[in-house]
Amino acid sequence: MGGTKAYFAYEDRMLNNGLEKFTDLENKVYRAIELFKAVKLQKESLEKEVLKLKAQLEQNQNETERLRQEALDMKRERELVKGKVEAILQNLDNMAL
């Protein structure tokens, strides 16, 4: 009879040990699921941020190109005005002689 009791006690310990291990595994799985959800949300947020930054980059590139073109136009205009001023000064010099 003592052997049977010991056997059942052994079975109870093994069952409890197995249940503890299963519970630990279950908790780890739930933590992994929560971590996965958090990472997924963070990924989605970062993807939105990337799209926003790409749009800003495109706007900045367009603005840079516009300003570059404007600077070239102003340089051309300055050269034109410089040429006209030099011509006027040359005419004034010729008149003074």
PDB file of N, CA and C in Angstrom:
ATOM      1  N   MET A   1       0.809  -1.177   0.000  1.00  0.00           N
ATOM      2  CA  MET A   1       0.000   0.000   0.000  1.00  0.00           C
ATOM      3  C   MET A   1       0.866   1.260   0.000  1.00  0.00           C
ATOM      4  N   GLY A   2       2.019   1.228   0.708  1.00  0.00           N
ATOM      5  CA  GLY A   2       2.896   2.374   0.774  1.00  0.00           C
ATOM      6  C   GLY A   2       3.467   2.696  -0.593  1.00  0.00           C
ATOM      7  N   GLY A   3       3.692   1.647  -1.424  1.00  0.00           N
ATOM      8  CA  GLY A   3       4.224   1.872  -2.757  1.00  0.00           C
ATOM      9  C   GLY A   3       3.233   2.624  -3.624  1.00  0.00           C
ATOM     10  N   THR A   4       1.985   2.318  -3.457  1.00  0.00           N
ATOM     11  CA  THR A   4       0.954   2.971  -4.255  1.00  0.00           C
ATOM     12  C   THR A   4       0.864   4.447  -3.884  1.00  0.00           C
ATOM     13  N   LYS A   5       0.938   4.726  -2.587  1.00  0.00           N
ATOM     14  CA  LYS A   5       0.893   6.107  -2.137  1.00  0.00           C
ATOM     15  C   LYS A   5       2.091   6.886  -2.689  1.00  0.00           C
ATOM     16  N   ALA A   6       3.230   6.282  -2.618  1.00  0.00           N
ATOM     17  CA  ALA A   6       4.445   6.928  -3.117  1.00  0.00           C
ATOM     18  C   ALA A   6       4.326   7.158  -4.618  1.00  0.00           C
ATOM     19  N   TYR A   7       3.763   6.182  -5.308  1.00  0.00           N
ATOM     20  CA  TYR A   7       3.599   6.322  -6.765  1.00  0.00           C
ATOM     21  C   TYR A   7       2.676   7.494  -7.090  1.00  0.00           C
ATOM     22  N   PHE A   8       1.546   7.581  -6.358  1.00  0.00           N
ATOM     23  CA  PHE A   8       0.611   8.680  -6.605  1.00  0.00           C
ATOM     24  C   PHE A   8       1.239  10.028  -6.247  1.00  0.00           C
ATOM     25  N   ALA A   9       2.038  10.070  -5.194  1.00  0.00           N
ATOM     26  CA  ALA A   9       2.730  11.292  -4.820  1.00  0.00           C
ATOM     27  C   ALA A   9       3.710  11.681  -5.927  1.00  0.00           C
ATOM     28  N   TYR A  10       4.400  10.669  -6.455  1.00  0.00           N
ATOM     29  CA  TYR A  10       5.338  10.915  -7.551  1.00  0.00           C
ATOM     30  C   TYR A  10       4.584  11.447  -8.775  1.00  0.00           C
ATOM     31  N   GLU A  11       3.451  10.823  -9.096  1.00  0.00           N
ATOM     32  CA  GLU A  11       2.629  11.276 -10.225  1.00  0.00           C
ATOM     33  C   GLU A  11       2.144  12.709 -10.008  1.00  0.00           C
ATOM     34  N   ASP A  12       1.724  13.034  -8.790  1.00  0.00           N
ATOM     35  CA  ASP A  12       1.275  14.392  -8.481  1.00  0.00           C
ATOM     36  C   ASP A  12       2.412  15.393  -8.680  1.00  0.00           C
ATOM     37  N   ARG A  13       3.621  15.047  -8.189  1.00  0.00           N
ATOM     38  CA  ARG A  13       4.760  15.948  -8.372  1.00  0.00           C
ATOM     39  C   ARG A  13       5.071  16.141  -9.842  1.00  0.00           C
ATOM     40  N   MET A  14       5.043  15.060 -10.595  1.00  0.00           N
ATOM     41  CA  MET A  14       5.333  15.141 -12.032  1.00  0.00           C
ATOM     42  C   MET A  14       4.259  15.962 -12.752  1.00  0.00           C
ATOM     43  N   LEU A  15       3.006  15.734 -12.368  1.00  0.00           N
ATOM     44  CA  LEU A  15       1.910  16.482 -12.973  1.00  0.00           C
ATOM     45  C   LEU A  15       2.036  17.961 -12.626  1.00  0.00           C
ATOM     46  N   ASN A  16       2.296  18.275 -11.356  1.00  0.00           N
ATOM     47  CA  ASN A  16       2.465  19.667 -10.948  1.00  0.00           C
ATOM     48  C   ASN A  16       3.669  20.294 -11.642  1.00  0.00           C
ATOM     49  N   ASN A  17       4.759  19.551 -11.744  1.00  0.00           N
ATOM     50  CA  ASN A  17       5.955  20.040 -12.418  1.00  0.00           C
ATOM     51  C   ASN A  17       5.645  20.300 -13.891  1.00  0.00           C
ATOM     52  N   GLY A  18       4.914  19.373 -14.501  1.00  0.00           N
ATOM     53  CA  GLY A  18       4.531  19.543 -15.908  1.00  0.00           C
ATOM     54  C   GLY A  18       3.619  20.738 -16.093  1.00  0.00           C
ATOM     55  N   LEU A  19       2.671  20.923 -15.167  1.00  0.00           N
ATOM     56  CA  LEU A  19       1.763  22.065 -15.241  1.00  0.00           C
ATOM     57  C   LEU A  19       2.522  23.375 -15.042  1.00  0.00           C
ATOM     58  N   GLU A  20       3.491  23.378 -14.115  1.00  0.00           N
ATOM     59  CA  GLU A  20       4.298  24.582 -13.911  1.00  0.00           C
ATOM     60  C   GLU A  20       5.077  24.928 -15.176  1.00  0.00           C
ATOM     61  N   LYS A  21       5.660  23.907 -15.772  1.00  0.00           N
ATOM     62  CA  LYS A  21       6.421  24.144 -17.005  1.00  0.00           C
ATOM     63  C   LYS A  21       5.502  24.649 -18.115  1.00  0.00           C
ATOM     64  N   PHE A  22       4.309  24.056 -18.197  1.00  0.00           N
ATOM     65  CA  PHE A  22       3.359  24.481 -19.220  1.00  0.00           C
ATOM     66  C   PHE A  22       2.927  25.918 -18.966  1.00  0.00           C
ATOM     67  N   THR A  23       2.666  26.261 -17.705  1.00  0.00           N
ATOM     68  CA  THR A  23       2.261  27.624 -17.352  1.00  0.00           C
ATOM     69  C   THR A  23       3.385  28.603 -17.688  1.00  0.00           C
ATOM     70  N   ASP A  24       4.631  28.230 -17.375  1.00  0.00           N
ATOM     71  CA  ASP A  24       5.770  29.083 -17.727  1.00  0.00           C
ATOM     72  C   ASP A  24       5.842  29.286 -19.237  1.00  0.00           C
ATOM     73  N   LEU A  25       5.664  28.197 -19.969  1.00  0.00           N
ATOM     74  CA  LEU A  25       5.694  28.285 -21.433  1.00  0.00           C
ATOM     75  C   LEU A  25       4.550  29.153 -21.940  1.00  0.00           C
ATOM     76  N   GLU A  26       3.386  28.975 -21.370  1.00  0.00           N
ATOM     77  CA  GLU A  26       2.222  29.767 -21.758  1.00  0.00           C
ATOM     78  C   GLU A  26       2.490  31.259 -21.512  1.00  0.00           C
ATOM     79  N   ASN A  27       3.065  31.590 -20.362  1.00  0.00           N
ATOM     80  CA  ASN A  27       3.393  32.985 -20.054  1.00  0.00           C
ATOM     81  C   ASN A  27       4.412  33.544 -21.038  1.00  0.00           C
ATOM     82  N   LYS A  28       5.398  32.731 -21.381  1.00  0.00           N
ATOM     83  CA  LYS A  28       6.398  33.180 -22.356  1.00  0.00           C
ATOM     84  C   LYS A  28       5.767  33.434 -23.715  1.00  0.00           C
ATOM     85  N   VAL A  29       4.839  32.579 -24.108  1.00  0.00           N
ATOM     86  CA  VAL A  29       4.147  32.761 -25.390  1.00  0.00           C
ATOM     87  C   VAL A  29       3.334  34.047 -25.367  1.00  0.00           C
ATOM     88  N   TYR A  30       2.617  34.300 -24.273  1.00  0.00           N
ATOM     89  CA  TYR A  30       1.832  35.537 -24.178  1.00  0.00           C
ATOM     90  C   TYR A  30       2.728  36.774 -24.201  1.00  0.00           C
ATOM     91  N   ARG A  31       3.873  36.699 -23.506  1.00  0.00           N
ATOM     92  CA  ARG A  31       4.816  37.826 -23.541  1.00  0.00           C
ATOM     93  C   ARG A  31       5.347  38.036 -24.952  1.00  0.00           C
ATOM     94  N   ALA A  32       5.636  36.931 -25.651  1.00  0.00           N
ATOM     95  CA  ALA A  32       6.125  37.036 -27.029  1.00  0.00           C
ATOM     96  C   ALA A  32       5.059  37.667 -27.925  1.00  0.00           C
ATOM     97  N   ILE A  33       3.810  37.299 -27.723  1.00  0.00           N
ATOM     98  CA  ILE A  33       2.710  37.863 -28.512  1.00  0.00           C
ATOM     99  C   ILE A  33       2.597  39.365 -28.241  1.00  0.00           C
ATOM    100  N   GLU A  34       2.658  39.764 -26.978  1.00  0.00           N
ATOM    101  CA  GLU A  34       2.582  41.184 -26.632  1.00  0.00           C
ATOM    102  C   GLU A  34       3.766  41.953 -27.211  1.00  0.00           C
ATOM    103  N   LEU A  35       4.946  41.358 -27.138  1.00  0.00           N
ATOM    104  CA  LEU A  35       6.128  41.993 -27.712  1.00  0.00           C
ATOM    105  C   LEU A  35       5.967  42.140 -29.225  1.00  0.00           C
ATOM    106  N   PHE A  36       5.457  41.108 -29.875  1.00  0.00           N
ATOM    107  CA  PHE A  36       5.228  41.158 -31.318  1.00  0.00           C
ATOM    108  C   PHE A  36       4.245  42.273 -31.667  1.00  0.00           C
ATOM    109  N   LYS A  37       3.167  42.396 -30.888  1.00  0.00           N
ATOM    110  CA  LYS A  37       2.186  43.459 -31.143  1.00  0.00           C
ATOM    111  C   LYS A  37       2.828  44.832 -31.004  1.00  0.00           C
ATOM    112  N   ALA A  38       3.640  44.991 -29.957  1.00  0.00           N
ATOM    113  CA  ALA A  38       4.286  46.287 -29.725  1.00  0.00           C
ATOM    114  C   ALA A  38       5.253  46.614 -30.857  1.00  0.00           C
ATOM    115  N   VAL A  39       6.018  45.628 -31.301  1.00  0.00           N
ATOM    116  CA  VAL A  39       6.968  45.839 -32.390  1.00  0.00           C
ATOM    117  C   VAL A  39       6.220  46.156 -33.682  1.00  0.00           C
ATOM    118  N   LYS A  40       5.113  45.479 -33.902  1.00  0.00           N
ATOM    119  CA  LYS A  40       4.312  45.728 -35.112  1.00  0.00           C
ATOM    120  C   LYS A  40       3.776  47.163 -35.114  1.00  0.00           C
ATOM    121  N   LEU A  41       3.271  47.625 -33.976  1.00  0.00           N
ATOM    122  CA  LEU A  41       2.776  49.007 -33.883  1.00  0.00           C
ATOM    123  C   LEU A  41       3.906  50.004 -34.101  1.00  0.00           C
ATOM    124  N   GLN A  42       5.058  49.709 -33.519  1.00  0.00           N
ATOM    125  CA  GLN A  42       6.204  50.599 -33.694  1.00  0.00           C
ATOM    126  C   GLN A  42       6.634  50.622 -35.158  1.00  0.00           C
ATOM    127  N   LYS A  43       6.625  49.470 -35.806  1.00  0.00           N
ATOM    128  CA  LYS A  43       6.991  49.391 -37.228  1.00  0.00           C
ATOM    129  C   LYS A  43       6.033  50.230 -38.064  1.00  0.00           C
ATOM    130  N   GLU A  44       4.729  50.104 -37.803  1.00  0.00           N
ATOM    131  CA  GLU A  44       3.741  50.875 -38.554  1.00  0.00           C
ATOM    132  C   GLU A  44       3.953  52.373 -38.346  1.00  0.00           C
ATOM    133  N   SER A  45       4.235  52.745 -37.111  1.00  0.00           N
ATOM    134  CA  SER A  45       4.487  54.159 -36.805  1.00  0.00           C
ATOM    135  C   SER A  45       5.728  54.655 -37.547  1.00  0.00           C
ATOM    136  N   LEU A  46       6.774  53.851 -37.552  1.00  0.00           N
ATOM    137  CA  LEU A  46       8.008  54.247 -38.239  1.00  0.00           C
ATOM    138  C   LEU A  46       7.801  54.312 -39.753  1.00  0.00           C
ATOM    139  N   GLU A  47       6.994  53.412 -40.297  1.00  0.00           N
ATOM    140  CA  GLU A  47       6.708  53.455 -41.737  1.00  0.00           C
ATOM    141  C   GLU A  47       5.971  54.740 -42.100  1.00  0.00           C
ATOM    142  N   LYS A  48       5.029  55.162 -41.251  1.00  0.00           N
ATOM    143  CA  LYS A  48       4.326  56.425 -41.485  1.00  0.00           C
ATOM    144  C   LYS A  48       5.305  57.591 -41.430  1.00  0.00           C
ATOM    145  N   GLU A  49       6.203  57.537 -40.453  1.00  0.00           N
ATOM    146  CA  GLU A  49       7.205  58.602 -40.315  1.00  0.00           C
ATOM    147  C   GLU A  49       8.111  58.652 -41.544  1.00  0.00           C
ATOM    148  N   VAL A  50       8.494  57.487 -42.058  1.00  0.00           N
ATOM    149  CA  VAL A  50       9.345  57.433 -43.255  1.00  0.00           C
ATOM    150  C   VAL A  50       8.628  58.080 -44.432  1.00  0.00           C
ATOM    151  N   LEU A  51       7.352  57.760 -44.608  1.00  0.00           N
ATOM    152  CA  LEU A  51       6.583  58.370 -45.704  1.00  0.00           C
ATOM    153  C   LEU A  51       6.509  59.884 -45.545  1.00  0.00           C
ATOM    154  N   LYS A  52       6.296  60.335 -44.315  1.00  0.00           N
ATOM    155  CA  LYS A  52       6.236  61.773 -44.048  1.00  0.00           C
ATOM    156  C   LYS A  52       7.580  62.426 -44.372  1.00  0.00           C
ATOM    157  N   LEU A  53       8.659  61.797 -43.944  1.00  0.00           N
ATOM    158  CA  LEU A  53       9.988  62.358 -44.199  1.00  0.00           C
ATOM    159  C   LEU A  53      10.340  62.342 -45.682  1.00  0.00           C
ATOM    160  N   LYS A  54       9.898  61.304 -46.388  1.00  0.00           N
ATOM    161  CA  LYS A  54      10.136  61.274 -47.836  1.00  0.00           C
ATOM    162  C   LYS A  54       9.406  62.420 -48.528  1.00  0.00           C
ATOM    163  N   ALA A  55       8.182  62.695 -48.088  1.00  0.00           N
ATOM    164  CA  ALA A  55       7.422  63.806 -48.668  1.00  0.00           C
ATOM    165  C   ALA A  55       8.117  65.135 -48.366  1.00  0.00           C
ATOM    166  N   GLN A  56       8.597  65.283 -47.136  1.00  0.00           N
ATOM    167  CA  GLN A  56       9.317  66.509 -46.780  1.00  0.00           C
ATOM    168  C   GLN A  56      10.596  66.643 -47.596  1.00  0.00           C
ATOM    169  N   LEU A  57      11.295  65.531 -47.789  1.00  0.00           N
ATOM    170  CA  LEU A  57      12.526  65.554 -48.581  1.00  0.00           C
ATOM    171  C   LEU A  57      12.226  65.996 -50.004  1.00  0.00           C
ATOM    172  N   GLU A  58      11.156  65.465 -50.575  1.00  0.00           N
ATOM    173  CA  GLU A  58      10.782  65.852 -51.936  1.00  0.00           C
ATOM    174  C   GLU A  58      10.454  67.338 -52.007  1.00  0.00           C
ATOM    175  N   GLN A  59       9.728  67.830 -51.011  1.00  0.00           N
ATOM    176  CA  GLN A  59       9.416  69.264 -50.966  1.00  0.00           C
ATOM    177  C   GLN A  59      10.693  70.090 -50.870  1.00  0.00           C
ATOM    178  N   ASN A  60      11.596  69.653 -50.014  1.00  0.00           N
ATOM    179  CA  ASN A  60      12.861  70.385 -49.854  1.00  0.00           C
ATOM    180  C   ASN A  60      13.686  70.357 -51.140  1.00  0.00           C
ATOM    181  N   GLN A  61      13.696  69.225 -51.814  1.00  0.00           N
ATOM    182  CA  GLN A  61      14.426  69.133 -53.082  1.00  0.00           C
ATOM    183  C   GLN A  61      13.811  70.059 -54.125  1.00  0.00           C
ATOM    184  N   ASN A  62      12.493  70.096 -54.179  1.00  0.00           N
ATOM    185  CA  ASN A  62      11.818  70.991 -55.122  1.00  0.00           C
ATOM    186  C   ASN A  62      12.123  72.452 -54.793  1.00  0.00           C
ATOM    187  N   GLU A  63      12.082  72.786 -53.508  1.00  0.00           N
ATOM    188  CA  GLU A  63      12.378  74.160 -53.095  1.00  0.00           C
ATOM    189  C   GLU A  63      13.837  74.511 -53.403  1.00  0.00           C
ATOM    190  N   THR A  64      14.739  73.575 -53.165  1.00  0.00           N
ATOM    191  CA  THR A  64      16.155  73.806 -53.467  1.00  0.00           C
ATOM    192  C   THR A  64      16.349  74.050 -54.955  1.00  0.00           C
ATOM    193  N   GLU A  65      15.693  73.266 -55.778  1.00  0.00           N
ATOM    194  CA  GLU A  65      15.811  73.439 -57.230  1.00  0.00           C
ATOM    195  C   GLU A  65      15.227  74.788 -57.658  1.00  0.00           C
ATOM    196  N   ARG A  66      14.084  75.159 -57.060  1.00  0.00           N
ATOM    197  CA  ARG A  66      13.471  76.453 -57.373  1.00  0.00           C
ATOM    198  C   ARG A  66      14.418  77.588 -57.007  1.00  0.00           C
ATOM    199  N   LEU A  67      15.015  77.509 -55.824  1.00  0.00           N
ATOM    200  CA  LEU A  67      15.939  78.556 -55.381  1.00  0.00           C
ATOM    201  C   LEU A  67      17.208  78.584 -56.230  1.00  0.00           C
ATOM    202  N   ARG A  68      17.681  77.415 -56.643  1.00  0.00           N
ATOM    203  CA  ARG A  68      18.853  77.349 -57.519  1.00  0.00           C
ATOM    204  C   ARG A  68      18.564  78.051 -58.846  1.00  0.00           C
ATOM    205  N   GLN A  69      17.381  77.774 -59.383  1.00  0.00           N
ATOM    206  CA  GLN A  69      16.997  78.403 -60.647  1.00  0.00           C
ATOM    207  C   GLN A  69      16.838  79.912 -60.466  1.00  0.00           C
ATOM    208  N   GLU A  70      16.253  80.304 -59.346  1.00  0.00           N
ATOM    209  CA  GLU A  70      16.082  81.729 -59.066  1.00  0.00           C
ATOM    210  C   GLU A  70      17.446  82.424 -58.950  1.00  0.00           C
ATOM    211  N   ALA A  71      18.407  81.775 -58.304  1.00  0.00           N
ATOM    212  CA  ALA A  71      19.751  82.347 -58.177  1.00  0.00           C
ATOM    213  C   ALA A  71      20.410  82.488 -59.548  1.00  0.00           C
ATOM    214  N   LEU A  72      20.242  81.487 -60.409  1.00  0.00           N
ATOM    215  CA  LEU A  72      20.797  81.576 -61.768  1.00  0.00           C
ATOM    216  C   LEU A  72      20.161  82.730 -62.542  1.00  0.00           C
ATOM    217  N   ASP A  73      18.850  82.857 -62.411  1.00  0.00           N
ATOM    218  CA  ASP A  73      18.150  83.960 -63.094  1.00  0.00           C
ATOM    219  C   ASP A  73      18.657  85.313 -62.590  1.00  0.00           C
ATOM    220  N   MET A  74      18.846  85.423 -61.284  1.00  0.00           N
ATOM    221  CA  MET A  74      19.334  86.689 -60.723  1.00  0.00           C
ATOM    222  C   MET A  74      20.765  86.972 -61.174  1.00  0.00           C
ATOM    223  N   LYS A  75      21.571  85.938 -61.295  1.00  0.00           N
ATOM    224  CA  LYS A  75      22.945  86.122 -61.770  1.00  0.00           C
ATOM    225  C   LYS A  75      22.947  86.616 -63.214  1.00  0.00           C
ATOM    226  N   ARG A  76      22.081  86.006 -64.035  1.00  0.00           N
ATOM    227  CA  ARG A  76      21.973  86.458 -65.428  1.00  0.00           C
ATOM    228  C   ARG A  76      21.523  87.914 -65.487  1.00  0.00           C
ATOM    229  N   GLU A  77      20.517  88.245 -64.676  1.00  0.00           N
ATOM    230  CA  GLU A  77      20.000  89.609 -64.645  1.00  0.00           C
ATOM    231  C   GLU A  77      21.083  90.585 -64.183  1.00  0.00           C
ATOM    232  N   ARG A  78      21.847  90.189 -63.174  1.00  0.00           N
ATOM    233  CA  ARG A  78      22.935  91.043 -62.687  1.00  0.00           C
ATOM    234  C   ARG A  78      23.963  91.295 -63.783  1.00  0.00           C
ATOM    235  N   GLU A  79      24.306  90.238 -64.504  1.00  0.00           N
ATOM    236  CA  GLU A  79      25.272  90.389 -65.602  1.00  0.00           C
ATOM    237  C   GLU A  79      24.727  91.326 -66.684  1.00  0.00           C
ATOM    238  N   LEU A  80      23.436  91.215 -66.968  1.00  0.00           N
ATOM    239  CA  LEU A  80      22.801  92.077 -67.952  1.00  0.00           C
ATOM    240  C   LEU A  80      22.843  93.542 -67.489  1.00  0.00           C
ATOM    241  N   VAL A  81      22.473  93.777 -66.232  1.00  0.00           N
ATOM    242  CA  VAL A  81      22.490  95.136 -65.682  1.00  0.00           C
ATOM    243  C   VAL A  81      23.919  95.662 -65.659  1.00  0.00           C
ATOM    244  N   LYS A  82      24.855  94.816 -65.278  1.00  0.00           N
ATOM    245  CA  LYS A  82      26.269  95.229 -65.255  1.00  0.00           C
ATOM    246  C   LYS A  82      26.724  95.669 -66.647  1.00  0.00           C
ATOM    247  N   GLY A  83      26.348  94.876 -67.640  1.00  0.00           N
ATOM    248  CA  GLY A  83      26.704  95.232 -69.023  1.00  0.00           C
ATOM    249  C   GLY A  83      26.104  96.567 -69.432  1.00  0.00           C
ATOM    250  N   LYS A  84      24.846  96.808 -69.068  1.00  0.00           N
ATOM    251  CA  LYS A  84      24.189  98.073 -69.408  1.00  0.00           C
ATOM    252  C   LYS A  84      24.842  99.245 -68.681  1.00  0.00           C
ATOM    253  N   VAL A  85      25.176  99.063 -67.409  1.00  0.00           N
ATOM    254  CA  VAL A  85      25.832 100.129 -66.643  1.00  0.00           C
ATOM    255  C   VAL A  85      27.194 100.433 -67.235  1.00  0.00           C
ATOM    256  N   GLU A  86      27.942  99.396 -67.608  1.00  0.00           N
ATOM    257  CA  GLU A  86      29.256  99.617 -68.230  1.00  0.00           C
ATOM    258  C   GLU A  86      29.119 100.364 -69.561  1.00  0.00           C
ATOM    259  N   ALA A  87      28.079 100.027 -70.320  1.00  0.00           N
ATOM    260  CA  ALA A  87      27.854 100.726 -71.587  1.00  0.00           C
ATOM    261  C   ALA A  87      27.519 102.190 -71.337  1.00  0.00           C
ATOM    262  N   ILE A  88      26.696 102.466 -70.343  1.00  0.00           N
ATOM    263  CA  ILE A  88      26.346 103.854 -70.008  1.00  0.00           C
ATOM    264  C   ILE A  88      27.591 104.612 -69.559  1.00  0.00           C
ATOM    265  N   LEU A  89      28.388 103.978 -68.714  1.00  0.00           N
ATOM    266  CA  LEU A  89      29.618 104.632 -68.252  1.00  0.00           C
ATOM    267  C   LEU A  89      30.584 104.882 -69.412  1.00  0.00           C
ATOM    268  N   GLN A  90      30.650 103.938 -70.327  1.00  0.00           N
ATOM    269  CA  GLN A  90      31.528 104.117 -71.502  1.00  0.00           C
ATOM    270  C   GLN A  90      31.030 105.296 -72.333  1.00  0.00           C
ATOM    271  N   ASN A  91      29.735 105.413 -72.524  1.00  0.00           N
ATOM    272  CA  ASN A  91      29.156 106.536 -73.268  1.00  0.00           C
ATOM    273  C   ASN A  91      29.435 107.861 -72.552  1.00  0.00           C
ATOM    274  N   LEU A  92      29.337 107.844 -71.224  1.00  0.00           N
ATOM    275  CA  LEU A  92      29.644 109.072 -70.467  1.00  0.00           C
ATOM    276  C   LEU A  92      31.111 109.441 -70.611  1.00  0.00           C
ATOM    277  N   ASP A  93      31.976 108.433 -70.568  1.00  0.00           N
ATOM    278  CA  ASP A  93      33.417 108.693 -70.766  1.00  0.00           C
ATOM    279  C   ASP A  93      33.672 109.288 -72.152  1.00  0.00           C
ATOM    280  N   ASN A  94      33.000 108.740 -73.167  1.00  0.00           N
ATOM    281  CA  ASN A  94      33.174 109.241 -74.522  1.00  0.00           C
ATOM    282  C   ASN A  94      32.673 110.676 -74.660  1.00  0.00           C
ATOM    283  N   MET A  95      31.612 111.006 -73.942  1.00  0.00           N
ATOM    284  CA  MET A  95      31.050 112.355 -74.013  1.00  0.00           C
ATOM    285  C   MET A  95      31.984 113.353 -73.324  1.00  0.00           C
ATOM    286  N   ALA A  96      32.663 112.907 -72.326  1.00  0.00           N
ATOM    287  CA  ALA A  96      33.536 113.807 -71.563  1.00  0.00           C
ATOM    288  C   ALA A  96      34.770 114.169 -72.356  1.00  0.00           C
ATOM    289  N   LEU A  97      35.162 113.375 -73.303  1.00  0.00           N
ATOM    290  CA  LEU A  97      36.350 113.662 -74.078  1.00  0.00           C
ATOM    291  C   LEU A  97      36.038 114.714 -75.047  1.00  0.00           C
TER     292      LEU A  97
END
